[in-house]
């Protein structure tokens, strides 16, 4: 799966939740997915801007999380996912799991 596909999928998902009020960035192998919820709606882009929370992982780990094959806490403990910044913001992502 390509980062463009993941970005498009995320753009659809974030429309279903209230604005997160901050910027959340995913650093993946192929690039960045930025969710900017600081305005009136959540916007998704490929911009590599400063964010309130940055989550770094491989696309493989991303897919395992989406498919519920691994829990976020386990991914962090195994070093497969790193969270920097506002961890509470990262927790809001539970709303996005399909």
Protein backbone atom coordinates (compact mmCIF):
# COMPACT_ATOMS: atom_id res chain seq x y z
CA UNK A 1 0.00 0.00 0.00
CA UNK A 2 1.28 3.47 -0.87
CA UNK A 3 1.37 6.49 1.39
CA UNK A 4 -0.98 8.36 -0.98
CA UNK A 5 -3.61 5.65 -0.42
CA UNK A 6 -3.18 5.85 3.35
CA UNK A 7 -3.44 9.65 3.22
CA UNK A 8 -6.67 9.46 1.18
CA UNK A 9 -8.12 6.88 3.56
CA UNK A 10 -7.24 9.04 6.57
CA UNK A 11 -8.76 12.13 4.92
CA UNK A 12 -12.09 10.30 4.71
CA UNK A 13 -11.91 9.03 8.30
CA UNK A 14 -11.10 12.40 9.92
CA UNK A 15 -14.22 13.93 8.37
CA UNK A 16 -16.27 11.72 10.69
CA UNK A 17 -14.88 13.15 13.95
CA UNK A 18 -14.85 16.61 15.52
CA UNK A 19 -11.75 18.75 14.91
CA UNK A 20 -8.93 17.47 17.13
CA UNK A 21 -7.85 21.03 17.95
CA UNK A 22 -4.16 20.43 17.21
CA UNK A 23 -1.77 19.05 14.61
CA UNK A 24 -0.93 15.36 14.56
CA UNK A 25 1.78 14.00 12.26
CA UNK A 26 2.56 10.44 11.21
CA UNK A 27 6.11 9.80 10.01
CA UNK A 28 5.98 6.69 7.84
CA UNK A 29 8.57 5.00 5.61
CA UNK A 30 7.49 6.81 2.45
CA UNK A 31 6.54 10.18 3.88
CA UNK A 32 4.25 12.11 6.16
CA UNK A 33 0.54 12.22 6.92
CA UNK A 34 -0.38 15.44 8.71
CA UNK A 35 -3.78 15.90 10.33
CA UNK A 36 -4.38 19.58 11.03
CA UNK A 37 -7.40 19.86 13.29
CA UNK A 38 -6.54 23.34 14.57
CA UNK A 39 -9.20 25.02 12.40
CA UNK A 40 -12.88 24.37 11.85
CA UNK A 41 -12.30 20.88 10.43
CA UNK A 42 -9.66 18.15 10.29
CA UNK A 43 -7.50 18.55 7.18
CA UNK A 44 -5.06 15.89 5.91
CA UNK A 45 -1.94 16.77 3.92
CA UNK A 46 1.57 15.62 3.04
CA UNK A 47 3.18 18.72 4.59
CA UNK A 48 6.05 18.01 6.96
CA UNK A 49 5.21 20.71 9.51
CA UNK A 50 5.79 20.92 13.25
CA UNK A 51 3.01 19.10 15.08
CA UNK A 52 1.74 18.84 18.65
CA UNK A 53 2.21 15.08 18.44
CA UNK A 54 4.37 13.05 16.05
CA UNK A 55 3.96 9.30 15.67
CA UNK A 56 6.72 7.44 13.82
CA UNK A 57 6.34 3.89 12.48
CA UNK A 58 6.64 1.75 9.38
CA UNK A 59 3.75 1.34 6.96
CA UNK A 60 3.72 -2.34 7.95
CA UNK A 61 3.10 -1.37 11.59
CA UNK A 62 0.45 1.16 10.47
CA UNK A 63 -1.43 -1.59 8.60
CA UNK A 64 -1.18 -3.97 11.55
CA UNK A 65 -2.66 -1.28 13.81
CA UNK A 66 -5.49 -0.58 11.33
CA UNK A 67 -6.27 -4.31 11.08
CA UNK A 68 -6.12 -4.66 14.88
CA UNK A 69 -3.30 -7.21 14.60
CA UNK A 70 -1.27 -5.24 17.17
CA UNK A 71 -2.32 -2.83 19.92
CA UNK A 72 -0.79 0.67 20.02
CA UNK A 73 0.66 0.09 23.51
CA UNK A 74 2.33 -3.14 22.36
CA UNK A 75 3.73 -1.41 19.26
CA UNK A 76 5.28 1.29 21.46
CA UNK A 77 6.69 -1.22 23.95
CA UNK A 78 8.24 -3.28 21.14
CA UNK A 79 9.81 -0.15 19.65
CA UNK A 80 7.76 -0.43 16.45
CA UNK A 81 6.06 2.91 17.11
CA UNK A 82 7.40 6.10 18.72
CA UNK A 83 5.21 8.90 20.04
CA UNK A 84 6.62 12.39 20.67
CA UNK A 85 4.67 15.25 22.15
CA UNK A 86 1.02 15.25 23.24
CA UNK A 87 0.25 11.60 23.95
CA UNK A 88 -3.37 12.51 24.78
CA UNK A 89 -3.76 13.63 21.18
CA UNK A 90 -2.56 10.24 19.99
CA UNK A 91 -5.25 8.59 22.12
CA UNK A 92 -7.95 10.47 20.19
CA UNK A 93 -7.09 8.25 17.25
CA UNK A 94 -9.08 5.39 18.76
CA UNK A 95 -12.08 7.19 17.26
CA UNK A 96 -10.62 6.62 13.80
CA UNK A 97 -10.15 2.87 13.96
CA UNK A 98 -12.46 1.20 11.53
